[in-house]
Protein backbone atom coordinates (compact mmCIF):
# COMPACT_ATOMS: atom_id res chain seq x y z
CA UNK A 1 0.00 0.00 0.00
CA UNK A 2 2.85 2.42 0.76
CA UNK A 3 4.19 2.06 -2.78
CA UNK A 4 0.75 2.98 -4.11
CA UNK A 5 0.72 6.15 -2.06
CA UNK A 6 4.28 7.06 -3.06
CA UNK A 7 3.82 6.23 -6.71
CA UNK A 8 0.36 7.64 -7.39
CA UNK A 9 -1.17 9.68 -4.58
CA UNK A 10 1.76 11.92 -3.69
CA UNK A 11 2.39 13.05 -7.31
CA UNK A 12 -1.35 13.65 -7.68
CA UNK A 13 -1.51 15.63 -4.42
CA UNK A 14 1.51 17.67 -5.48
CA UNK A 15 -0.07 18.47 -8.85
CA UNK A 16 -3.32 19.46 -7.14
CA UNK A 17 -1.43 21.69 -4.71
CA UNK A 18 0.37 23.39 -7.60
CA UNK A 19 -2.92 23.84 -9.47
CA UNK A 20 -4.63 25.26 -6.38
CA UNK A 21 -1.97 27.69 -5.18
CA UNK A 22 0.53 28.03 -8.01
CA UNK A 23 3.62 29.82 -6.79
CA UNK A 24 2.32 29.70 -3.21
CA UNK A 25 2.34 25.88 -3.10
CA UNK A 26 5.73 25.82 -1.43
CA UNK A 27 4.43 28.25 1.21
CA UNK A 28 1.73 25.73 2.13
CA UNK A 29 4.27 22.93 2.49
CA UNK A 30 6.56 25.08 4.63
CA UNK A 31 3.64 26.21 6.79
CA UNK A 32 2.52 22.63 7.39
CA UNK A 33 6.08 21.50 8.18
CA UNK A 34 6.49 24.35 10.66
CA UNK A 35 3.19 23.56 12.35
CA UNK A 36 4.10 19.86 12.61
CA UNK A 37 7.01 20.88 14.86
CA UNK A 38 4.67 22.52 17.37
CA UNK A 39 3.64 19.60 19.52
CA UNK A 40 1.85 21.71 22.13
CA UNK A 41 -0.85 22.86 19.70
CA UNK A 42 -3.96 20.95 18.73
CA UNK A 43 -4.45 19.98 15.09
CA UNK A 44 -7.09 22.68 14.74
CA UNK A 45 -4.72 25.33 16.12
CA UNK A 46 -2.01 24.15 13.72
CA UNK A 47 -4.43 24.30 10.80
CA UNK A 48 -5.52 27.80 11.77
CA UNK A 49 -1.94 29.05 12.02
CA UNK A 50 -0.97 27.44 8.71
CA UNK A 51 -4.04 29.08 7.14
CA UNK A 52 -2.98 32.47 8.51
CA UNK A 53 0.59 32.02 7.23
CA UNK A 54 -0.59 31.15 3.72
CA UNK A 55 -3.20 33.93 3.65
CA UNK A 56 -0.66 36.52 4.82
CA UNK A 57 1.85 35.45 2.17
CA UNK A 58 -0.83 35.56 -0.52
CA UNK A 59 -1.77 39.10 0.51
CA UNK A 60 1.90 40.13 0.60
CA UNK A 61 2.29 38.83 -2.97
CA UNK A 62 -0.91 40.48 -4.13
CA UNK A 63 -2.70 37.16 -4.73
CA UNK A 64 -6.39 36.65 -4.01
CA UNK A 65 -7.17 33.17 -2.69
CA UNK A 66 -10.48 31.81 -1.51
CA UNK A 67 -10.54 30.29 1.96
CA UNK A 68 -11.61 26.97 0.46
CA UNK A 69 -8.51 26.91 -1.77
CA UNK A 70 -6.26 27.53 1.23
CA UNK A 71 -8.00 24.80 3.24
CA UNK A 72 -7.62 22.34 0.35
CA UNK A 73 -3.96 23.28 0.01
CA UNK A 74 -3.38 22.64 3.72
CA UNK A 75 -4.96 19.18 3.49
CA UNK A 76 -2.89 18.32 0.41
CA UNK A 77 0.30 19.63 2.05
CA UNK A 78 -0.39 17.52 5.16
CA UNK A 79 -0.62 14.41 2.98
CA UNK A 80 2.60 15.31 1.18
CA UNK A 81 4.48 15.94 4.43
CA UNK A 82 3.35 12.69 6.04
CA UNK A 83 5.90 9.92 5.83
């Protein structure tokens, strides 16, 4: 099963992340990785902080993103970061 995830799901998730956020895709991955380090926060708190990081970067770059696109990007990034 792990080979299936590595071979098919992760490339698909990465492509979806790129399609959703474009140049901000890497920001989502970095945000999720940073939040994963914070063991004292709940998953919801981590998600909220990652959302805020991505939203702030989008605003700084003059990009308009819907909240649903950011939430989808966070979920995809979580799957990509998981080992």
